[in-house]
Amino acid sequence: FGVGGYGTAQELIQFRTQATKFKPDLVVLQFFVSNDVFDNYRTLRESLRDEAPYYVADAHGNLVIDETFRQNRDRRLVLDAGGTAIYYSRFLQLCNQARKVIAVAVTAMKERNKNLPVRNETNEVLYPKDETEKAFHVTGRVLEMLRDECRQAGIELVVAVIPAPFAVVPGAKRSPDEVSDYDLRVKAINDRLGIPTFLYGPPMLKYV
């Protein structure tokens, strides 16, 4: 049930609508610390911003799904049809990858025009602190919902925090024992929620 490009909110929906049908004993949530936090918050998402659902707070502070991306029905039908066909066509996969690259480039250009830094040398996104805090808050609430639903179903949940690729290649600027601030923040959220969490950056870099 792992889908490339999904944020935690989409993964929670995937868990509810698809994975639970198979009555799993264990759910391993792969958390890509480089962008998953920001993919959960529309303002900071870098690519495909208007093609995903989000969790937002209602008037009472409860998280509800924002599905405004479905408003363009014709476009949504094309995306849904393409989502099935793409698994059977290398050409469509190539076109989809090109679309994503272009979307990322366009978004990065817009962010530069706002004078917002995009990433530091360890591939962590650097956005205004208040927006970053909102993204982490939503992520923590989504993780809490996933934890609660797993517990109710008697399913064990663990989180694997995956580093950015170039942070664990030979010559990486990060030392083998260093853990990024975002890794630690995600682990702190999960520790508070009682979710076992594994940080794979340091052991991967040691192996390299």
C-alpha atoms as a PDB file:
ATOM      1  CA  PHE A   1       0.000   0.000   0.000  1.00  0.00           C
ATOM      2  CA  GLY A   2       2.982   2.303  -0.288  1.00  0.00           C
ATOM      3  CA  VAL A   3       2.416   4.912  -3.001  1.00  0.00           C
ATOM      4  CA  GLY A   4       5.122   7.260  -4.202  1.00  0.00           C
ATOM      5  CA  GLY A   5       4.310  10.908  -3.505  1.00  0.00           C
ATOM      6  CA  TYR A   6       1.742  10.267  -0.756  1.00  0.00           C
ATOM      7  CA  GLY A   7       1.924  12.355   2.394  1.00  0.00           C
ATOM      8  CA  THR A   8       0.796  11.111   5.793  1.00  0.00           C
ATOM      9  CA  ALA A   9      -2.768  12.355   5.257  1.00  0.00           C
ATOM     10  CA  GLN A  10      -3.119  10.381   2.027  1.00  0.00           C
ATOM     11  CA  GLU A  11      -1.555   7.343   3.705  1.00  0.00           C
ATOM     12  CA  LEU A  12      -4.123   7.518   6.495  1.00  0.00           C
ATOM     13  CA  ILE A  13      -6.907   7.537   3.899  1.00  0.00           C
ATOM     14  CA  GLN A  14      -5.221   4.632   2.113  1.00  0.00           C
ATOM     15  CA  PHE A  15      -5.105   2.732   5.407  1.00  0.00           C
ATOM     16  CA  ARG A  16      -8.805   3.365   6.097  1.00  0.00           C
ATOM     17  CA  THR A  17     -10.158   2.613   2.637  1.00  0.00           C
ATOM     18  CA  GLN A  18      -7.849  -0.142   1.396  1.00  0.00           C
ATOM     19  CA  ALA A  19      -5.371  -1.674   3.847  1.00  0.00           C
ATOM     20  CA  THR A  20      -7.815  -2.489   6.645  1.00  0.00           C
ATOM     21  CA  LYS A  21      -9.752  -4.767   4.275  1.00  0.00           C
ATOM     22  CA  PHE A  22      -6.810  -7.182   4.490  1.00  0.00           C
ATOM     23  CA  LYS A  23      -6.807  -7.213   8.316  1.00  0.00           C
ATOM     24  CA  PRO A  24      -3.077  -6.548   8.807  1.00  0.00           C
ATOM     25  CA  ASP A  25      -1.311  -7.409  12.050  1.00  0.00           C
ATOM     26  CA  LEU A  26       1.322  -4.742  11.533  1.00  0.00           C
ATOM     27  CA  VAL A  27       1.460  -1.380   9.753  1.00  0.00           C
ATOM     28  CA  VAL A  28       4.863   0.105   8.925  1.00  0.00           C
ATOM     29  CA  LEU A  29       4.520   3.771   8.025  1.00  0.00           C
ATOM     30  CA  GLN A  30       7.480   4.958   5.958  1.00  0.00           C
ATOM     31  CA  PHE A  31       8.003   8.619   6.782  1.00  0.00           C
ATOM     32  CA  PHE A  32      10.176  10.542   4.322  1.00  0.00           C
ATOM     33  CA  VAL A  33      11.316  13.356   6.555  1.00  0.00           C
ATOM     34  CA  SER A  34      12.483  15.485   3.625  1.00  0.00           C
ATOM     35  CA  ASN A  35       8.958  16.361   2.526  1.00  0.00           C
ATOM     36  CA  ASP A  36       6.194  14.348   4.229  1.00  0.00           C
ATOM     37  CA  VAL A  37       5.589  16.963   6.920  1.00  0.00           C
ATOM     38  CA  PHE A  38       5.108  19.653   4.289  1.00  0.00           C
ATOM     39  CA  ASP A  39       3.042  17.460   1.978  1.00  0.00           C
ATOM     40  CA  ASN A  40       0.445  17.402   4.774  1.00  0.00           C
ATOM     41  CA  TYR A  41       0.008  21.187   4.622  1.00  0.00           C
ATOM     42  CA  ARG A  42      -1.240  22.758   1.401  1.00  0.00           C
ATOM     43  CA  THR A  43       0.628  26.065   1.713  1.00  0.00           C
ATOM     44  CA  LEU A  44       4.035  24.362   1.903  1.00  0.00           C
ATOM     45  CA  ARG A  45       3.569  21.393  -0.405  1.00  0.00           C
ATOM     46  CA  GLU A  46       6.116  21.630  -3.218  1.00  0.00           C
ATOM     47  CA  SER A  47       4.463  19.678  -6.014  1.00  0.00           C
ATOM     48  CA  LEU A  48       1.004  18.509  -7.106  1.00  0.00           C
ATOM     49  CA  ARG A  49      -0.394  20.899  -4.513  1.00  0.00           C
ATOM     50  CA  ASP A  50      -3.935  20.841  -5.844  1.00  0.00           C
ATOM     51  CA  GLU A  51      -4.092  17.124  -6.591  1.00  0.00           C
ATOM     52  CA  ALA A  52      -4.287  15.777  -3.042  1.00  0.00           C
ATOM     53  CA  PRO A  53      -6.638  15.774  -0.031  1.00  0.00           C
ATOM     54  CA  TYR A  54      -5.565  17.471   3.181  1.00  0.00           C
ATOM     55  CA  TYR A  55      -6.653  17.461   6.801  1.00  0.00           C
ATOM     56  CA  VAL A  56      -7.612  20.911   8.069  1.00  0.00           C
ATOM     57  CA  ALA A  57      -9.103  22.152  11.329  1.00  0.00           C
ATOM     58  CA  ASP A  58     -12.798  22.986  11.424  1.00  0.00           C
ATOM     59  CA  ALA A  59     -14.398  25.688  13.595  1.00  0.00           C
ATOM     60  CA  HIS A  60     -14.137  23.397  16.640  1.00  0.00           C
ATOM     61  CA  GLY A  61     -10.490  22.469  16.081  1.00  0.00           C
ATOM     62  CA  ASN A  62     -11.286  18.979  14.801  1.00  0.00           C
ATOM     63  CA  LEU A  63      -9.437  17.729  11.739  1.00  0.00           C
ATOM     64  CA  VAL A  64     -11.612  17.164   8.683  1.00  0.00           C
ATOM     65  CA  ILE A  65     -10.709  16.200   5.126  1.00  0.00           C
ATOM     66  CA  ASP A  66     -10.430  19.019   2.616  1.00  0.00           C
ATOM     67  CA  GLU A  67     -11.171  17.519  -0.788  1.00  0.00           C
ATOM     68  CA  THR A  68     -11.292  20.675  -2.867  1.00  0.00           C
ATOM     69  CA  PHE A  69      -9.026  18.977  -5.409  1.00  0.00           C
ATOM     70  CA  ARG A  70     -12.119  17.078  -6.573  1.00  0.00           C
ATOM     71  CA  GLN A  71     -13.888  20.265  -7.651  1.00  0.00           C
ATOM     72  CA  ASN A  72     -12.520  19.994 -11.175  1.00  0.00           C
ATOM     73  CA  ARG A  73     -14.455  16.839 -11.974  1.00  0.00           C
ATOM     74  CA  ASP A  74     -13.280  16.313 -15.550  1.00  0.00           C
ATOM     75  CA  ARG A  75      -9.638  16.632 -14.539  1.00  0.00           C
ATOM     76  CA  ARG A  76     -10.216  14.278 -11.626  1.00  0.00           C
ATOM     77  CA  LEU A  77     -11.720  11.628 -13.887  1.00  0.00           C
ATOM     78  CA  VAL A  78      -8.680  11.803 -16.151  1.00  0.00           C
ATOM     79  CA  LEU A  79      -6.358  11.446 -13.164  1.00  0.00           C
ATOM     80  CA  ASP A  80      -8.334   8.491 -11.798  1.00  0.00           C
ATOM     81  CA  ALA A  81      -8.282   6.711 -15.157  1.00  0.00           C
ATOM     82  CA  GLY A  82      -4.611   7.454 -15.636  1.00  0.00           C
ATOM     83  CA  GLY A  83      -3.852   6.143 -12.159  1.00  0.00           C
ATOM     84  CA  THR A  84      -4.924   2.677 -13.258  1.00  0.00           C
ATOM     85  CA  ALA A  85      -3.466   2.713 -16.765  1.00  0.00           C
ATOM     86  CA  ILE A  86      -0.101   4.014 -15.630  1.00  0.00           C
ATOM     87  CA  TYR A  87       0.782   0.700 -13.975  1.00  0.00           C
ATOM     88  CA  TYR A  88       0.723  -1.002 -17.375  1.00  0.00           C
ATOM     89  CA  SER A  89       2.559   1.535 -19.515  1.00  0.00           C
ATOM     90  CA  ARG A  90       6.192   2.610 -19.270  1.00  0.00           C
ATOM     91  CA  PHE A  91       5.371   5.487 -21.608  1.00  0.00           C
ATOM     92  CA  LEU A  92       2.669   6.808 -19.279  1.00  0.00           C
ATOM     93  CA  GLN A  93       5.039   6.402 -16.325  1.00  0.00           C
ATOM     94  CA  LEU A  94       7.624   8.483 -18.182  1.00  0.00           C
ATOM     95  CA  CYS A  95       5.030  11.162 -18.978  1.00  0.00           C
ATOM     96  CA  ASN A  96       3.872  11.213 -15.352  1.00  0.00           C
ATOM     97  CA  GLN A  97       7.438  11.574 -14.088  1.00  0.00           C
ATOM     98  CA  ALA A  98       8.046  14.443 -16.510  1.00  0.00           C
ATOM     99  CA  ARG A  99       4.844  16.103 -15.280  1.00  0.00           C
ATOM    100  CA  LYS A 100       6.052  15.850 -11.681  1.00  0.00           C
ATOM    101  CA  VAL A 101       9.490  17.275 -12.520  1.00  0.00           C
ATOM    102  CA  ILE A 102       7.872  20.231 -14.281  1.00  0.00           C
ATOM    103  CA  ALA A 103       5.458  20.771 -11.381  1.00  0.00           C
ATOM    104  CA  VAL A 104       8.315  20.801  -8.865  1.00  0.00           C
ATOM    105  CA  ALA A 105      10.312  23.247 -11.019  1.00  0.00           C
ATOM    106  CA  VAL A 106       7.349  25.602 -11.411  1.00  0.00           C
ATOM    107  CA  THR A 107       6.591  25.529  -7.681  1.00  0.00           C
ATOM    108  CA  ALA A 108      10.253  26.132  -6.799  1.00  0.00           C
ATOM    109  CA  MET A 109      10.271  29.130  -9.124  1.00  0.00           C
ATOM    110  CA  LYS A 110       7.192  30.557  -7.410  1.00  0.00           C
ATOM    111  CA  GLU A 111       8.773  30.041  -3.995  1.00  0.00           C
ATOM    112  CA  ARG A 112      11.944  31.818  -5.102  1.00  0.00           C
ATOM    113  CA  ASN A 113       9.813  34.723  -6.251  1.00  0.00           C
ATOM    114  CA  LYS A 114       8.452  34.899  -2.690  1.00  0.00           C
ATOM    115  CA  ASN A 115      12.057  34.966  -1.403  1.00  0.00           C
ATOM    116  CA  LEU A 116      11.424  31.786   0.576  1.00  0.00           C
ATOM    117  CA  PRO A 117      14.414  29.451   0.929  1.00  0.00           C
ATOM    118  CA  VAL A 118      13.626  25.946  -0.315  1.00  0.00           C
ATOM    119  CA  ARG A 119      16.220  23.597   1.215  1.00  0.00           C
ATOM    120  CA  ASN A 120      19.440  23.653   3.216  1.00  0.00           C
ATOM    121  CA  GLU A 121      22.544  21.567   2.581  1.00  0.00           C
ATOM    122  CA  THR A 122      20.986  18.503   4.236  1.00  0.00           C
ATOM    123  CA  ASN A 123      17.869  18.736   2.047  1.00  0.00           C
ATOM    124  CA  GLU A 124      15.610  20.012   4.812  1.00  0.00           C
ATOM    125  CA  VAL A 125      13.007  22.545   3.728  1.00  0.00           C
ATOM    126  CA  LEU A 126      13.423  25.950   5.304  1.00  0.00           C
ATOM    127  CA  TYR A 127      10.131  27.815   5.481  1.00  0.00           C
ATOM    128  CA  PRO A 128       8.894  30.529   7.854  1.00  0.00           C
ATOM    129  CA  LYS A 129       8.723  29.168  11.383  1.00  0.00           C
ATOM    130  CA  ASP A 130       4.996  29.758  11.898  1.00  0.00           C
ATOM    131  CA  GLU A 131       4.104  27.861   8.717  1.00  0.00           C
ATOM    132  CA  THR A 132       6.500  25.045   9.606  1.00  0.00           C
ATOM    133  CA  GLU A 133       4.911  24.754  13.051  1.00  0.00           C
ATOM    134  CA  LYS A 134       1.454  24.469  11.476  1.00  0.00           C
ATOM    135  CA  ALA A 135       2.692  21.686   9.187  1.00  0.00           C
ATOM    136  CA  PHE A 136       4.180  19.755  12.116  1.00  0.00           C
ATOM    137  CA  HIS A 137       1.001  20.259  14.146  1.00  0.00           C
ATOM    138  CA  VAL A 138      -1.197  18.805  11.400  1.00  0.00           C
ATOM    139  CA  THR A 139       1.238  15.932  10.898  1.00  0.00           C
ATOM    140  CA  GLY A 140       1.148  15.112  14.598  1.00  0.00           C
ATOM    141  CA  ARG A 141      -2.653  15.100  14.605  1.00  0.00           C
ATOM    142  CA  VAL A 142      -2.766  12.807  11.548  1.00  0.00           C
ATOM    143  CA  LEU A 143      -0.283  10.415  13.165  1.00  0.00           C
ATOM    144  CA  GLU A 144      -2.454  10.431  16.287  1.00  0.00           C
ATOM    145  CA  MET A 145      -5.519   9.458  14.246  1.00  0.00           C
ATOM    146  CA  LEU A 146      -3.598   6.642  12.577  1.00  0.00           C
ATOM    147  CA  ARG A 147      -2.393   5.423  15.977  1.00  0.00           C
ATOM    148  CA  ASP A 148      -5.902   5.452  17.424  1.00  0.00           C
ATOM    149  CA  GLU A 149      -7.408   3.599  14.468  1.00  0.00           C
ATOM    150  CA  CYS A 150      -4.653   0.979  14.557  1.00  0.00           C
ATOM    151  CA  ARG A 151      -5.194   0.449  18.272  1.00  0.00           C
ATOM    152  CA  GLN A 152      -8.937   0.104  17.834  1.00  0.00           C
ATOM    153  CA  ALA A 153      -8.342  -2.569  15.196  1.00  0.00           C
ATOM    154  CA  GLY A 154      -5.673  -4.369  17.237  1.00  0.00           C
ATOM    155  CA  ILE A 155      -2.958  -3.506  14.710  1.00  0.00           C
ATOM    156  CA  GLU A 156       0.621  -2.729  15.723  1.00  0.00           C
ATOM    157  CA  LEU A 157       1.962   0.517  14.224  1.00  0.00           C
ATOM    158  CA  VAL A 158       5.618   1.442  13.763  1.00  0.00           C
ATOM    159  CA  VAL A 159       7.188   4.344  11.887  1.00  0.00           C
ATOM    160  CA  ALA A 160      10.358   4.158   9.799  1.00  0.00           C
ATOM    161  CA  VAL A 161      11.909   7.600   9.238  1.00  0.00           C
ATOM    162  CA  ILE A 162      13.731   7.589   5.896  1.00  0.00           C
ATOM    163  CA  PRO A 163      16.441  10.185   5.127  1.00  0.00           C
ATOM    164  CA  ALA A 164      16.869  12.196   1.959  1.00  0.00           C
ATOM    165  CA  PRO A 165      18.913  10.184  -0.588  1.00  0.00           C
ATOM    166  CA  PHE A 166      21.873  12.560  -0.862  1.00  0.00           C
ATOM    167  CA  ALA A 167      22.154  12.746   2.937  1.00  0.00           C
ATOM    168  CA  VAL A 168      23.359   9.123   3.030  1.00  0.00           C
ATOM    169  CA  VAL A 169      25.685   8.871   0.025  1.00  0.00           C
ATOM    170  CA  PRO A 170      29.506   8.726   0.156  1.00  0.00           C
ATOM    171  CA  GLY A 171      30.824  12.160   1.004  1.00  0.00           C
ATOM    172  CA  ALA A 172      27.577  13.312   2.629  1.00  0.00           C
ATOM    173  CA  LYS A 173      28.030  16.379   4.806  1.00  0.00           C
ATOM    174  CA  ARG A 174      26.202  14.751   7.705  1.00  0.00           C
ATOM    175  CA  SER A 175      28.263  12.620  10.106  1.00  0.00           C
ATOM    176  CA  PRO A 176      27.233   8.967  10.702  1.00  0.00           C
ATOM    177  CA  ASP A 177      26.011   9.811  14.210  1.00  0.00           C
ATOM    178  CA  GLU A 178      24.137  12.992  13.340  1.00  0.00           C
ATOM    179  CA  VAL A 179      20.356  13.092  13.254  1.00  0.00           C
ATOM    180  CA  SER A 180      18.576  15.985  11.569  1.00  0.00           C
ATOM    181  CA  ASP A 181      16.276  18.332  13.458  1.00  0.00           C
ATOM    182  CA  TYR A 182      13.295  17.098  11.458  1.00  0.00           C
ATOM    183  CA  ASP A 183      14.082  13.458  12.233  1.00  0.00           C
ATOM    184  CA  LEU A 184      14.177  14.307  15.927  1.00  0.00           C
ATOM    185  CA  ARG A 185      10.946  16.301  15.770  1.00  0.00           C
ATOM    186  CA  VAL A 186       9.090  13.455  14.089  1.00  0.00           C
ATOM    187  CA  LYS A 187      10.478  10.993  16.644  1.00  0.00           C
ATOM    188  CA  ALA A 188       9.473  13.314  19.505  1.00  0.00           C
ATOM    189  CA  ILE A 189       5.899  13.416  18.174  1.00  0.00           C
ATOM    190  CA  ASN A 190       5.786   9.634  17.940  1.00  0.00           C
ATOM    191  CA  ASP A 191       7.375   9.192  21.372  1.00  0.00           C
ATOM    192  CA  ARG A 192       4.601  11.353  22.821  1.00  0.00           C
ATOM    193  CA  LEU A 193       2.025   9.246  20.993  1.00  0.00           C
ATOM    194  CA  GLY A 194       3.649   5.974  22.028  1.00  0.00           C
ATOM    195  CA  ILE A 195       4.497   4.926  18.444  1.00  0.00           C
ATOM    196  CA  PRO A 196       7.768   2.975  18.064  1.00  0.00           C
ATOM    197  CA  THR A 197      10.000   4.884  15.646  1.00  0.00           C
ATOM    198  CA  PHE A 198      13.165   3.872  13.816  1.00  0.00           C
ATOM    199  CA  LEU A 199      15.569   6.495  12.428  1.00  0.00           C
ATOM    200  CA  TYR A 200      17.340   4.999   9.415  1.00  0.00           C
ATOM    201  CA  GLY A 201      19.624   7.934   8.543  1.00  0.00           C
ATOM    202  CA  PRO A 202      22.535   7.197  10.919  1.00  0.00           C
ATOM    203  CA  PRO A 203      22.712   3.404  10.295  1.00  0.00           C
ATOM    204  CA  MET A 204      22.452   3.922   6.512  1.00  0.00           C
ATOM    205  CA  LEU A 205      25.269   6.457   6.580  1.00  0.00           C
ATOM    206  CA  LYS A 206      27.418   4.178   8.746  1.00  0.00           C
ATOM    207  CA  TYR A 207      26.852   1.361   6.279  1.00  0.00           C
ATOM    208  CA  VAL A 208      27.868   3.600   3.373  1.00  0.00           C
END
